């Protein structure tokens, strides 16, 4: 597999970029040691390996926004990463890229049993969504084989399915809305907590 060659100008600005990111993130959210970035050198497709320039582990939408804004201003590629279980190379970095891992964004934000809606952060694992509502006899239908480990972020990116998809549909049939951070750091809301919601809404 041939990946794009890294940009020498970006590699030379690693320390500068790290300082900018450190200014908006908690100390434990920025990984810049070369040995530690090796944990993010590939996803489930292990045939290609390349440690990223840096890795960041935000805990909130605001931190994601700050990261993307800075990387956009610096012209640095960003590779989003869920749980890293993809066998399709969905989270493969280059040497001049920043891995944005969402593993720490794993909270349940809202549960509405009357309307059969749960709102979770993107790093929440697939199976744990069902675990959060099983006491009320609910479950989250899309069930890829990696559901024990895979993140909702990756499920959305890959439109994951599973055995239940024959009856309940794949991810796109069970997703009502998303909070999305654009590459320049702009936060947008798409969809909402009911079918055919407006394209742009604001959730508090």
N, C-alpha and C. Protein backbone atom coordinates (compact mmCIF):
# COMPACT_ATOMS: atom_id res chain seq x y z
N UNK A 1 0.84 -1.19 0.00
CA UNK A 1 0.00 0.00 0.00
C UNK A 1 0.88 1.25 0.00
N UNK A 2 0.57 2.17 -0.87
CA UNK A 2 1.35 3.40 -0.95
C UNK A 2 0.54 4.56 -0.41
N UNK A 3 1.04 5.17 0.64
CA UNK A 3 0.36 6.31 1.26
C UNK A 3 1.05 7.60 0.83
N UNK A 4 0.38 8.74 0.98
CA UNK A 4 1.00 10.02 0.60
C UNK A 4 2.28 10.28 1.39
N UNK A 5 3.25 10.88 0.72
CA UNK A 5 4.51 11.24 1.40
C UNK A 5 4.24 12.38 2.38
N UNK A 6 4.87 12.34 3.55
CA UNK A 6 4.66 13.41 4.53
C UNK A 6 5.24 14.73 4.05
N UNK A 7 4.63 15.81 4.51
CA UNK A 7 5.08 17.16 4.17
C UNK A 7 6.22 17.55 5.12
N UNK A 8 7.43 17.76 4.61
CA UNK A 8 8.57 18.11 5.48
C UNK A 8 8.32 19.38 6.29
N UNK A 9 7.57 20.32 5.73
CA UNK A 9 7.31 21.57 6.44
C UNK A 9 6.46 21.32 7.68
N UNK A 10 5.52 20.39 7.58
CA UNK A 10 4.69 20.05 8.75
C UNK A 10 5.53 19.33 9.79
N UNK A 11 6.35 18.40 9.35
CA UNK A 11 7.22 17.66 10.29
C UNK A 11 8.10 18.62 11.06
N UNK A 12 8.57 19.65 10.40
CA UNK A 12 9.48 20.61 11.05
C UNK A 12 8.76 21.47 12.08
N UNK A 13 7.43 21.55 11.96
CA UNK A 13 6.67 22.39 12.90
C UNK A 13 6.02 21.58 14.01
N UNK A 14 6.48 20.37 14.25
CA UNK A 14 5.86 19.51 15.27
C UNK A 14 5.82 20.18 16.63
N UNK A 15 6.93 20.74 17.08
CA UNK A 15 6.99 21.35 18.41
C UNK A 15 6.03 22.54 18.50
N UNK A 16 5.97 23.34 17.45
CA UNK A 16 5.07 24.48 17.41
C UNK A 16 3.62 24.04 17.51
N UNK A 17 3.26 23.01 16.73
CA UNK A 17 1.90 22.50 16.75
C UNK A 17 1.56 21.92 18.12
N UNK A 18 2.50 21.20 18.71
CA UNK A 18 2.28 20.62 20.04
C UNK A 18 2.02 21.70 21.08
N UNK A 19 2.76 22.79 21.00
CA UNK A 19 2.55 23.90 21.95
C UNK A 19 1.16 24.49 21.79
N UNK A 20 0.71 24.68 20.55
CA UNK A 20 -0.63 25.25 20.33
C UNK A 20 -1.72 24.32 20.85
N UNK A 21 -1.57 23.03 20.61
CA UNK A 21 -2.57 22.07 21.09
C UNK A 21 -2.54 21.97 22.62
N UNK A 22 -1.35 22.01 23.20
CA UNK A 22 -1.23 21.92 24.66
C UNK A 22 -1.90 23.10 25.35
N UNK A 23 -2.00 24.22 24.65
CA UNK A 23 -2.61 25.41 25.24
C UNK A 23 -4.12 25.28 25.37
N UNK A 24 -4.75 24.35 24.64
CA UNK A 24 -6.21 24.22 24.69
C UNK A 24 -6.66 22.87 25.23
N UNK A 25 -5.71 21.99 25.57
CA UNK A 25 -6.06 20.65 26.01
C UNK A 25 -5.46 20.35 27.39
N UNK A 26 -6.08 19.45 28.15
CA UNK A 26 -5.45 18.98 29.39
C UNK A 26 -4.14 18.27 29.05
N UNK A 27 -3.25 18.22 30.01
CA UNK A 27 -1.92 17.66 29.77
C UNK A 27 -1.96 16.22 29.28
N UNK A 28 -2.93 15.43 29.78
CA UNK A 28 -2.98 14.01 29.41
C UNK A 28 -3.69 13.76 28.08
N UNK A 29 -4.14 14.82 27.42
CA UNK A 29 -4.87 14.65 26.16
C UNK A 29 -4.00 14.77 24.93
N UNK A 30 -2.73 15.12 25.12
CA UNK A 30 -1.81 15.29 24.00
C UNK A 30 -0.69 14.26 24.10
N UNK A 31 -0.53 13.47 23.05
CA UNK A 31 0.52 12.44 23.01
C UNK A 31 1.50 12.81 21.91
N UNK A 32 2.74 13.08 22.31
CA UNK A 32 3.75 13.48 21.33
C UNK A 32 5.02 12.65 21.37
N UNK A 33 5.21 11.85 22.41
CA UNK A 33 6.36 10.95 22.48
C UNK A 33 6.26 9.91 21.35
N UNK A 34 7.37 9.71 20.62
CA UNK A 34 7.34 8.84 19.46
C UNK A 34 6.97 7.40 19.82
N UNK A 35 7.40 6.91 20.96
CA UNK A 35 7.06 5.55 21.37
C UNK A 35 5.57 5.44 21.69
N UNK A 36 5.00 6.46 22.30
CA UNK A 36 3.59 6.42 22.67
C UNK A 36 2.67 6.58 21.45
N UNK A 37 3.13 7.32 20.44
CA UNK A 37 2.29 7.47 19.24
C UNK A 37 2.21 6.18 18.45
N UNK A 38 3.08 5.23 18.72
CA UNK A 38 3.04 3.95 18.00
C UNK A 38 1.75 3.18 18.29
N UNK A 39 1.11 3.48 19.38
CA UNK A 39 -0.18 2.83 19.68
C UNK A 39 -1.25 3.22 18.66
N UNK A 40 -0.98 4.27 17.89
CA UNK A 40 -1.95 4.77 16.92
C UNK A 40 -1.45 4.63 15.48
N UNK A 41 -0.43 3.80 15.27
CA UNK A 41 0.18 3.69 13.94
C UNK A 41 -0.66 2.92 12.94
N UNK A 42 -1.67 2.21 13.39
CA UNK A 42 -2.57 1.50 12.48
C UNK A 42 -3.88 1.23 13.20
N UNK A 43 -4.87 0.77 12.42
CA UNK A 43 -6.11 0.29 13.03
C UNK A 43 -6.13 -1.23 12.87
N UNK A 44 -7.29 -1.83 12.65
CA UNK A 44 -7.36 -3.27 12.49
C UNK A 44 -6.67 -3.77 11.23
N UNK A 45 -6.43 -2.87 10.29
CA UNK A 45 -5.67 -3.20 9.08
C UNK A 45 -4.19 -2.98 9.38
N UNK A 46 -3.54 -4.01 9.90
CA UNK A 46 -2.18 -3.86 10.43
C UNK A 46 -1.10 -4.02 9.37
N UNK A 47 -1.49 -4.21 8.11
CA UNK A 47 -0.49 -4.38 7.04
C UNK A 47 0.27 -3.08 6.81
N UNK A 48 -0.36 -1.94 7.12
CA UNK A 48 0.30 -0.65 6.97
C UNK A 48 0.46 -0.03 8.36
N UNK A 49 1.67 0.43 8.67
CA UNK A 49 1.92 1.04 9.97
C UNK A 49 2.75 2.30 9.80
N UNK A 50 2.31 3.36 10.46
CA UNK A 50 3.07 4.61 10.43
C UNK A 50 2.66 5.44 11.64
N UNK A 51 3.56 5.71 12.57
CA UNK A 51 3.19 6.55 13.70
C UNK A 51 2.80 7.95 13.23
N UNK A 52 1.75 8.51 13.81
CA UNK A 52 1.36 9.87 13.44
C UNK A 52 2.32 10.90 14.04
N UNK A 53 2.19 12.12 13.58
CA UNK A 53 2.99 13.22 14.12
C UNK A 53 2.68 13.40 15.60
N UNK A 54 1.38 13.45 15.91
CA UNK A 54 0.87 13.61 17.27
C UNK A 54 -0.44 12.85 17.37
N UNK A 55 -0.89 12.60 18.59
CA UNK A 55 -2.22 12.05 18.82
C UNK A 55 -2.89 12.89 19.91
N UNK A 56 -4.18 13.13 19.75
CA UNK A 56 -4.93 13.89 20.74
C UNK A 56 -6.16 13.11 21.15
N UNK A 57 -6.51 13.20 22.43
CA UNK A 57 -7.63 12.44 22.98
C UNK A 57 -8.58 13.40 23.71
N UNK A 58 -9.44 14.07 22.97
CA UNK A 58 -10.37 15.03 23.58
C UNK A 58 -11.46 14.34 24.38
N UNK A 59 -12.10 15.11 25.27
CA UNK A 59 -13.21 14.60 26.06
C UNK A 59 -14.53 15.33 25.77
N UNK A 60 -14.49 16.35 24.94
CA UNK A 60 -15.69 17.15 24.69
C UNK A 60 -15.71 17.67 23.26
N UNK A 61 -16.89 18.08 22.83
CA UNK A 61 -17.04 18.67 21.51
C UNK A 61 -16.20 19.94 21.39
N UNK A 62 -16.14 20.72 22.45
CA UNK A 62 -15.35 21.95 22.41
C UNK A 62 -13.88 21.65 22.19
N UNK A 63 -13.36 20.62 22.84
CA UNK A 63 -11.96 20.27 22.63
C UNK A 63 -11.72 19.78 21.20
N UNK A 64 -12.66 19.02 20.65
CA UNK A 64 -12.54 18.60 19.24
C UNK A 64 -12.52 19.83 18.34
N UNK A 65 -13.39 20.78 18.62
CA UNK A 65 -13.45 22.01 17.83
C UNK A 65 -12.13 22.77 17.89
N UNK A 66 -11.56 22.89 19.08
CA UNK A 66 -10.29 23.60 19.24
C UNK A 66 -9.17 22.89 18.47
N UNK A 67 -9.14 21.57 18.55
CA UNK A 67 -8.11 20.79 17.85
C UNK A 67 -8.20 21.00 16.34
N UNK A 68 -9.41 20.86 15.81
CA UNK A 68 -9.58 20.99 14.36
C UNK A 68 -9.30 22.41 13.88
N UNK A 69 -9.69 23.39 14.67
CA UNK A 69 -9.42 24.78 14.28
C UNK A 69 -7.91 25.02 14.16
N UNK A 70 -7.16 24.55 15.15
CA UNK A 70 -5.71 24.75 15.14
C UNK A 70 -5.07 24.00 13.97
N UNK A 71 -5.46 22.74 13.78
CA UNK A 71 -4.88 21.95 12.68
C UNK A 71 -5.24 22.56 11.33
N UNK A 72 -6.44 23.10 11.21
CA UNK A 72 -6.86 23.75 9.97
C UNK A 72 -6.01 24.99 9.71
N UNK A 73 -5.79 25.76 10.75
CA UNK A 73 -4.96 26.97 10.61
C UNK A 73 -3.52 26.63 10.25
N UNK A 74 -3.04 25.49 10.74
CA UNK A 74 -1.65 25.09 10.50
C UNK A 74 -1.49 24.24 9.23
N UNK A 75 -2.61 23.90 8.59
CA UNK A 75 -2.54 23.07 7.39
C UNK A 75 -2.11 21.64 7.66
N UNK A 76 -2.49 21.11 8.83
CA UNK A 76 -2.08 19.76 9.23
C UNK A 76 -3.22 18.78 9.03
N UNK A 77 -2.98 17.66 8.35
CA UNK A 77 -4.04 16.65 8.17
C UNK A 77 -4.46 16.05 9.51
N UNK A 78 -5.74 15.74 9.63
CA UNK A 78 -6.28 15.11 10.84
C UNK A 78 -6.95 13.80 10.45
N UNK A 79 -6.65 12.74 11.19
CA UNK A 79 -7.26 11.44 10.95
C UNK A 79 -8.11 11.09 12.17
N UNK A 80 -9.45 11.06 12.04
CA UNK A 80 -10.29 10.68 13.18
C UNK A 80 -10.18 9.18 13.45
N UNK A 81 -10.26 8.83 14.72
CA UNK A 81 -10.12 7.42 15.10
C UNK A 81 -11.13 7.09 16.19
N UNK A 82 -11.92 6.06 15.96
CA UNK A 82 -12.84 5.58 16.98
C UNK A 82 -12.11 4.63 17.91
N UNK A 83 -12.44 3.33 17.80
CA UNK A 83 -11.76 2.34 18.63
C UNK A 83 -10.61 1.66 17.88
N UNK A 84 -10.46 1.97 16.60
CA UNK A 84 -9.37 1.38 15.82
C UNK A 84 -9.61 -0.05 15.41
N UNK A 85 -10.88 -0.48 15.34
CA UNK A 85 -11.18 -1.87 14.96
C UNK A 85 -11.39 -2.04 13.46
N UNK A 86 -11.36 -0.95 12.70
CA UNK A 86 -11.66 -1.02 11.27
C UNK A 86 -10.68 -1.92 10.53
N UNK A 87 -11.22 -2.78 9.67
CA UNK A 87 -10.40 -3.61 8.79
C UNK A 87 -10.32 -3.00 7.40
N UNK A 88 -10.89 -1.81 7.24
CA UNK A 88 -10.93 -1.14 5.94
C UNK A 88 -9.93 0.01 5.87
N UNK A 89 -9.08 0.15 6.87
CA UNK A 89 -8.08 1.21 6.86
C UNK A 89 -8.66 2.59 7.12
N UNK A 90 -9.73 2.65 7.88
CA UNK A 90 -10.41 3.92 8.11
C UNK A 90 -9.66 4.90 8.99
N UNK A 91 -8.65 4.43 9.74
CA UNK A 91 -7.94 5.33 10.67
C UNK A 91 -6.43 5.22 10.49
N UNK A 92 -5.99 5.06 9.25
CA UNK A 92 -4.56 4.95 8.99
C UNK A 92 -3.92 6.34 8.92
N UNK A 93 -2.92 6.61 9.74
CA UNK A 93 -2.28 7.93 9.73
C UNK A 93 -1.12 8.00 8.73
N UNK A 94 -0.71 9.22 8.47
CA UNK A 94 0.57 9.47 7.80
C UNK A 94 1.48 10.15 8.81
N UNK A 95 2.76 10.23 8.49
CA UNK A 95 3.73 10.75 9.46
C UNK A 95 3.53 12.23 9.77
N UNK A 96 2.79 12.94 8.91
CA UNK A 96 2.57 14.37 9.14
C UNK A 96 1.15 14.66 9.60
N UNK A 97 0.44 13.64 10.08
CA UNK A 97 -0.96 13.83 10.48
C UNK A 97 -1.12 13.76 11.99
N UNK A 98 -2.25 14.28 12.44
CA UNK A 98 -2.64 14.19 13.85
C UNK A 98 -3.79 13.20 13.96
N UNK A 99 -3.63 12.21 14.82
CA UNK A 99 -4.73 11.29 15.12
C UNK A 99 -5.63 11.93 16.15
N UNK A 100 -6.92 12.01 15.85
CA UNK A 100 -7.90 12.54 16.79
C UNK A 100 -8.73 11.35 17.28
N UNK A 101 -8.36 10.83 18.44
CA UNK A 101 -9.06 9.67 19.00
C UNK A 101 -10.21 10.09 19.91
N UNK A 102 -11.35 9.43 19.75
CA UNK A 102 -12.53 9.82 20.54
C UNK A 102 -12.84 8.84 21.67
N UNK A 103 -11.87 7.99 22.01
CA UNK A 103 -12.12 6.95 23.01
C UNK A 103 -12.56 7.50 24.37
N UNK A 104 -12.14 8.71 24.72
CA UNK A 104 -12.51 9.28 26.02
C UNK A 104 -13.87 9.98 25.98
N UNK A 105 -14.44 10.11 24.80
CA UNK A 105 -15.78 10.72 24.68
C UNK A 105 -16.80 9.59 24.70
N UNK A 106 -17.07 9.07 25.90
CA UNK A 106 -17.85 7.83 26.00
C UNK A 106 -19.07 7.93 26.92
N UNK A 107 -19.56 9.13 27.12
CA UNK A 107 -20.67 9.33 28.04
C UNK A 107 -22.04 9.19 27.36
N UNK A 108 -23.03 8.77 28.15
CA UNK A 108 -24.44 8.87 27.72
C UNK A 108 -24.91 10.26 28.11
N UNK A 109 -25.37 11.04 27.15
CA UNK A 109 -25.77 12.43 27.40
C UNK A 109 -27.25 12.57 27.69
N UNK A 110 -28.06 11.69 27.12
CA UNK A 110 -29.51 11.81 27.29
C UNK A 110 -30.18 10.49 26.94
N UNK A 111 -31.18 10.11 27.71
CA UNK A 111 -31.96 8.91 27.40
C UNK A 111 -33.44 9.27 27.48
N UNK A 112 -34.17 9.02 26.39
CA UNK A 112 -35.59 9.33 26.31
C UNK A 112 -36.32 8.05 25.91
N UNK A 113 -36.78 7.31 26.92
CA UNK A 113 -37.42 6.03 26.65
C UNK A 113 -38.75 6.19 25.94
N UNK A 114 -39.49 7.24 26.24
CA UNK A 114 -40.80 7.44 25.61
C UNK A 114 -40.68 7.56 24.09
N UNK A 115 -39.61 8.21 23.65
CA UNK A 115 -39.41 8.40 22.21
C UNK A 115 -38.33 7.50 21.63
N UNK A 116 -37.87 6.55 22.45
CA UNK A 116 -36.88 5.56 22.01
C UNK A 116 -35.63 6.21 21.43
N UNK A 117 -35.09 7.18 22.16
CA UNK A 117 -33.92 7.92 21.72
C UNK A 117 -32.86 7.91 22.81
N UNK A 118 -31.63 7.65 22.43
CA UNK A 118 -30.50 7.80 23.34
C UNK A 118 -29.47 8.67 22.63
N UNK A 119 -28.87 9.58 23.37
CA UNK A 119 -27.84 10.47 22.82
C UNK A 119 -26.54 10.18 23.54
N UNK A 120 -25.52 9.79 22.79
CA UNK A 120 -24.24 9.40 23.38
C UNK A 120 -23.10 10.13 22.70
N UNK A 121 -21.96 10.18 23.38
CA UNK A 121 -20.76 10.72 22.74
C UNK A 121 -20.21 9.68 21.76
N UNK A 122 -19.42 10.16 20.82
CA UNK A 122 -19.01 9.33 19.69
C UNK A 122 -18.05 8.20 20.05
N UNK A 123 -17.40 8.27 21.21
CA UNK A 123 -16.49 7.22 21.60
C UNK A 123 -17.14 6.08 22.36
N UNK A 124 -18.41 6.18 22.60
CA UNK A 124 -19.15 5.12 23.30
C UNK A 124 -19.11 3.84 22.47
N UNK A 125 -18.84 2.70 23.08
CA UNK A 125 -18.81 1.47 22.32
C UNK A 125 -20.21 1.02 21.97
N UNK A 126 -20.32 0.31 20.87
CA UNK A 126 -21.60 -0.14 20.35
C UNK A 126 -22.39 -0.93 21.41
N UNK A 127 -21.77 -1.94 21.98
CA UNK A 127 -22.47 -2.81 22.91
C UNK A 127 -22.87 -2.07 24.18
N UNK A 128 -22.08 -1.08 24.59
CA UNK A 128 -22.41 -0.37 25.81
C UNK A 128 -23.61 0.56 25.64
N UNK A 129 -23.98 0.87 24.41
CA UNK A 129 -25.22 1.64 24.19
C UNK A 129 -26.40 0.76 24.59
N UNK A 130 -26.41 -0.48 24.14
CA UNK A 130 -27.46 -1.40 24.57
C UNK A 130 -27.40 -1.62 26.08
N UNK A 131 -26.19 -1.71 26.62
CA UNK A 131 -26.04 -1.91 28.06
C UNK A 131 -26.63 -0.79 28.88
N UNK A 132 -26.64 0.42 28.33
CA UNK A 132 -27.16 1.57 29.06
C UNK A 132 -28.68 1.57 29.15
N UNK A 133 -29.34 0.80 28.27
CA UNK A 133 -30.81 0.84 28.24
C UNK A 133 -31.45 -0.53 28.42
N UNK A 134 -30.66 -1.57 28.63
CA UNK A 134 -31.21 -2.93 28.68
C UNK A 134 -32.13 -3.16 29.88
N UNK A 135 -31.95 -2.42 30.96
CA UNK A 135 -32.83 -2.61 32.12
C UNK A 135 -34.27 -2.22 31.81
N UNK A 136 -34.46 -1.40 30.80
CA UNK A 136 -35.80 -1.02 30.37
C UNK A 136 -36.24 -1.81 29.14
N UNK A 137 -35.53 -2.91 28.86
CA UNK A 137 -35.84 -3.80 27.74
C UNK A 137 -35.67 -3.14 26.38
N UNK A 138 -34.71 -2.24 26.26
CA UNK A 138 -34.38 -1.63 24.98
C UNK A 138 -33.00 -2.13 24.54
N UNK A 139 -32.69 -1.95 23.28
CA UNK A 139 -31.36 -2.27 22.77
C UNK A 139 -31.09 -1.43 21.53
N UNK A 140 -29.79 -1.32 21.20
CA UNK A 140 -29.38 -0.61 19.99
C UNK A 140 -29.18 -1.66 18.91
N UNK A 141 -29.91 -1.55 17.81
CA UNK A 141 -30.00 -2.65 16.85
C UNK A 141 -28.72 -2.95 16.06
N UNK A 142 -28.05 -1.99 15.45
CA UNK A 142 -26.86 -2.35 14.66
C UNK A 142 -25.83 -3.07 15.52
N UNK A 143 -25.41 -4.26 15.08
CA UNK A 143 -24.54 -5.10 15.91
C UNK A 143 -23.42 -5.73 15.09
N UNK A 144 -22.45 -4.92 14.67
CA UNK A 144 -21.31 -5.50 13.93
C UNK A 144 -20.57 -6.50 14.80
N UNK A 145 -19.78 -7.37 14.17
CA UNK A 145 -19.09 -8.42 14.92
C UNK A 145 -18.11 -7.86 15.95
N UNK A 146 -17.68 -6.62 15.74
CA UNK A 146 -16.76 -5.99 16.69
C UNK A 146 -17.48 -5.15 17.74
N UNK A 147 -18.78 -5.40 17.95
CA UNK A 147 -19.59 -4.51 18.78
C UNK A 147 -19.09 -4.37 20.22
N UNK A 148 -18.35 -5.34 20.72
CA UNK A 148 -17.82 -5.25 22.08
C UNK A 148 -16.82 -4.11 22.19
N UNK A 149 -16.08 -3.83 21.11
CA UNK A 149 -15.00 -2.85 21.15
C UNK A 149 -15.22 -1.63 20.27
N UNK A 150 -15.94 -1.77 19.17
CA UNK A 150 -16.03 -0.68 18.20
C UNK A 150 -16.84 0.50 18.75
N UNK A 151 -16.49 1.70 18.28
CA UNK A 151 -17.12 2.92 18.76
C UNK A 151 -18.22 3.38 17.81
N UNK A 152 -19.18 4.10 18.37
CA UNK A 152 -20.27 4.66 17.57
C UNK A 152 -19.72 5.55 16.46
N UNK A 153 -18.62 6.26 16.72
CA UNK A 153 -18.02 7.11 15.70
C UNK A 153 -17.69 6.30 14.44
N UNK A 154 -17.05 5.15 14.64
CA UNK A 154 -16.70 4.30 13.51
C UNK A 154 -17.92 3.67 12.87
N UNK A 155 -18.91 3.33 13.69
CA UNK A 155 -20.16 2.77 13.14
C UNK A 155 -20.81 3.74 12.18
N UNK A 156 -20.81 5.02 12.54
CA UNK A 156 -21.40 6.05 11.67
C UNK A 156 -20.56 6.21 10.41
N UNK A 157 -19.25 6.26 10.56
CA UNK A 157 -18.36 6.46 9.42
C UNK A 157 -18.47 5.32 8.42
N UNK A 158 -18.65 4.08 8.91
CA UNK A 158 -18.67 2.91 8.04
C UNK A 158 -20.08 2.38 7.78
N UNK A 159 -21.10 3.05 8.35
CA UNK A 159 -22.49 2.59 8.21
C UNK A 159 -22.62 1.12 8.60
N UNK A 160 -22.16 0.79 9.80
CA UNK A 160 -22.07 -0.60 10.25
C UNK A 160 -23.44 -1.25 10.38
N UNK A 161 -23.43 -2.56 10.21
CA UNK A 161 -24.66 -3.33 10.32
C UNK A 161 -24.50 -4.47 11.31
N UNK A 162 -24.74 -5.70 10.85
CA UNK A 162 -24.70 -6.87 11.71
C UNK A 162 -25.94 -7.71 11.47
N UNK A 163 -26.10 -8.78 12.26
CA UNK A 163 -27.20 -9.71 12.06
C UNK A 163 -28.57 -9.04 12.18
N UNK A 164 -28.68 -8.08 13.10
CA UNK A 164 -29.97 -7.42 13.30
C UNK A 164 -30.36 -6.51 12.13
N UNK A 165 -29.40 -6.20 11.26
CA UNK A 165 -29.70 -5.25 10.19
C UNK A 165 -30.75 -5.79 9.22
N UNK A 166 -30.91 -7.10 9.16
CA UNK A 166 -31.92 -7.67 8.27
C UNK A 166 -33.33 -7.24 8.68
N UNK A 167 -33.53 -7.00 9.97
CA UNK A 167 -34.84 -6.57 10.47
C UNK A 167 -34.90 -5.09 10.75
N UNK A 168 -33.83 -4.55 11.34
CA UNK A 168 -33.87 -3.17 11.84
C UNK A 168 -33.05 -2.17 11.02
N UNK A 169 -32.32 -2.65 10.03
CA UNK A 169 -31.52 -1.74 9.23
C UNK A 169 -30.13 -1.51 9.81
N UNK A 170 -29.29 -0.86 9.02
CA UNK A 170 -27.92 -0.57 9.43
C UNK A 170 -27.88 0.75 10.20
N UNK A 171 -26.69 1.27 10.45
CA UNK A 171 -26.55 2.46 11.28
C UNK A 171 -27.39 3.63 10.77
N UNK A 172 -27.37 3.85 9.47
CA UNK A 172 -28.09 5.00 8.93
C UNK A 172 -29.60 4.94 9.19
N UNK A 173 -30.13 3.72 9.40
CA UNK A 173 -31.55 3.57 9.69
C UNK A 173 -31.87 3.73 11.17
N UNK A 174 -30.85 3.86 11.99
CA UNK A 174 -31.04 3.98 13.43
C UNK A 174 -30.45 5.25 14.00
N UNK A 175 -29.97 6.12 13.13
CA UNK A 175 -29.34 7.37 13.54
C UNK A 175 -30.24 8.54 13.19
N UNK A 176 -30.59 9.35 14.18
CA UNK A 176 -31.51 10.46 13.95
C UNK A 176 -30.81 11.80 13.81
N UNK A 177 -29.66 11.94 14.42
CA UNK A 177 -28.96 13.22 14.36
C UNK A 177 -27.53 13.09 14.85
N UNK A 178 -26.72 14.06 14.47
CA UNK A 178 -25.33 14.08 14.92
C UNK A 178 -24.90 15.50 15.24
N UNK A 179 -24.00 15.62 16.19
CA UNK A 179 -23.26 16.86 16.41
C UNK A 179 -21.96 16.69 15.65
N UNK A 180 -21.72 17.53 14.66
CA UNK A 180 -20.56 17.36 13.78
C UNK A 180 -19.63 18.57 13.90
N UNK A 181 -18.35 18.30 13.96
CA UNK A 181 -17.36 19.37 13.97
C UNK A 181 -16.69 19.39 12.60
N UNK A 182 -16.80 20.51 11.91
CA UNK A 182 -16.21 20.65 10.59
C UNK A 182 -14.70 20.83 10.71
N UNK A 183 -13.99 20.72 9.61
CA UNK A 183 -12.53 20.76 9.65
C UNK A 183 -11.97 22.10 10.15
N UNK A 184 -12.77 23.16 10.03
CA UNK A 184 -12.29 24.46 10.53
C UNK A 184 -12.68 24.71 11.97
N UNK A 185 -13.29 23.72 12.62
CA UNK A 185 -13.68 23.83 14.02
C UNK A 185 -15.12 24.25 14.24
N UNK A 186 -15.84 24.56 13.18
CA UNK A 186 -17.25 24.94 13.31
C UNK A 186 -18.07 23.74 13.76
N UNK A 187 -18.95 23.94 14.76
CA UNK A 187 -19.81 22.87 15.27
C UNK A 187 -21.21 23.04 14.68
N UNK A 188 -21.73 21.98 14.07
CA UNK A 188 -23.07 22.02 13.49
C UNK A 188 -23.90 20.86 14.04
N UNK A 189 -25.19 21.06 14.07
CA UNK A 189 -26.13 20.02 14.49
C UNK A 189 -26.94 19.61 13.27
N UNK A 190 -26.97 18.32 12.99
CA UNK A 190 -27.72 17.79 11.86
C UNK A 190 -28.75 16.80 12.37
N UNK A 191 -30.01 16.97 11.96
CA UNK A 191 -31.06 16.09 12.43
C UNK A 191 -31.51 16.45 13.83
N UNK A 192 -32.12 15.49 14.51
CA UNK A 192 -32.62 15.76 15.84
C UNK A 192 -33.21 14.51 16.47
N UNK A 193 -33.98 14.68 17.50
CA UNK A 193 -34.46 13.54 18.28
C UNK A 193 -35.76 12.96 17.76
N UNK A 194 -36.07 13.16 16.49
CA UNK A 194 -37.26 12.55 15.90
C UNK A 194 -37.05 12.41 14.41
N UNK A 195 -37.82 11.55 13.77
CA UNK A 195 -37.69 11.33 12.34
C UNK A 195 -37.96 12.60 11.56
N UNK A 196 -37.21 12.77 10.47
CA UNK A 196 -37.39 13.91 9.58
C UNK A 196 -37.23 15.25 10.30
N UNK A 197 -36.32 15.29 11.25
CA UNK A 197 -36.04 16.56 11.92
C UNK A 197 -35.41 17.52 10.94
N UNK A 198 -35.49 18.79 11.25
CA UNK A 198 -34.88 19.81 10.39
C UNK A 198 -33.39 19.58 10.24
N UNK A 199 -32.82 20.09 9.16
CA UNK A 199 -31.41 19.87 8.88
C UNK A 199 -30.50 20.51 9.90
N UNK A 200 -30.90 21.63 10.47
CA UNK A 200 -30.02 22.33 11.41
C UNK A 200 -30.82 22.67 12.67
N UNK A 201 -30.42 22.07 13.79
CA UNK A 201 -31.06 22.38 15.06
C UNK A 201 -29.98 22.63 16.09
N UNK A 202 -30.35 23.12 17.24
CA UNK A 202 -29.37 23.35 18.30
C UNK A 202 -29.81 22.60 19.55
N UNK A 203 -29.02 21.64 19.97
CA UNK A 203 -29.28 20.92 21.21
C UNK A 203 -28.49 21.56 22.33
N UNK A 204 -29.13 21.84 23.45
CA UNK A 204 -28.43 22.44 24.59
C UNK A 204 -27.52 21.40 25.22
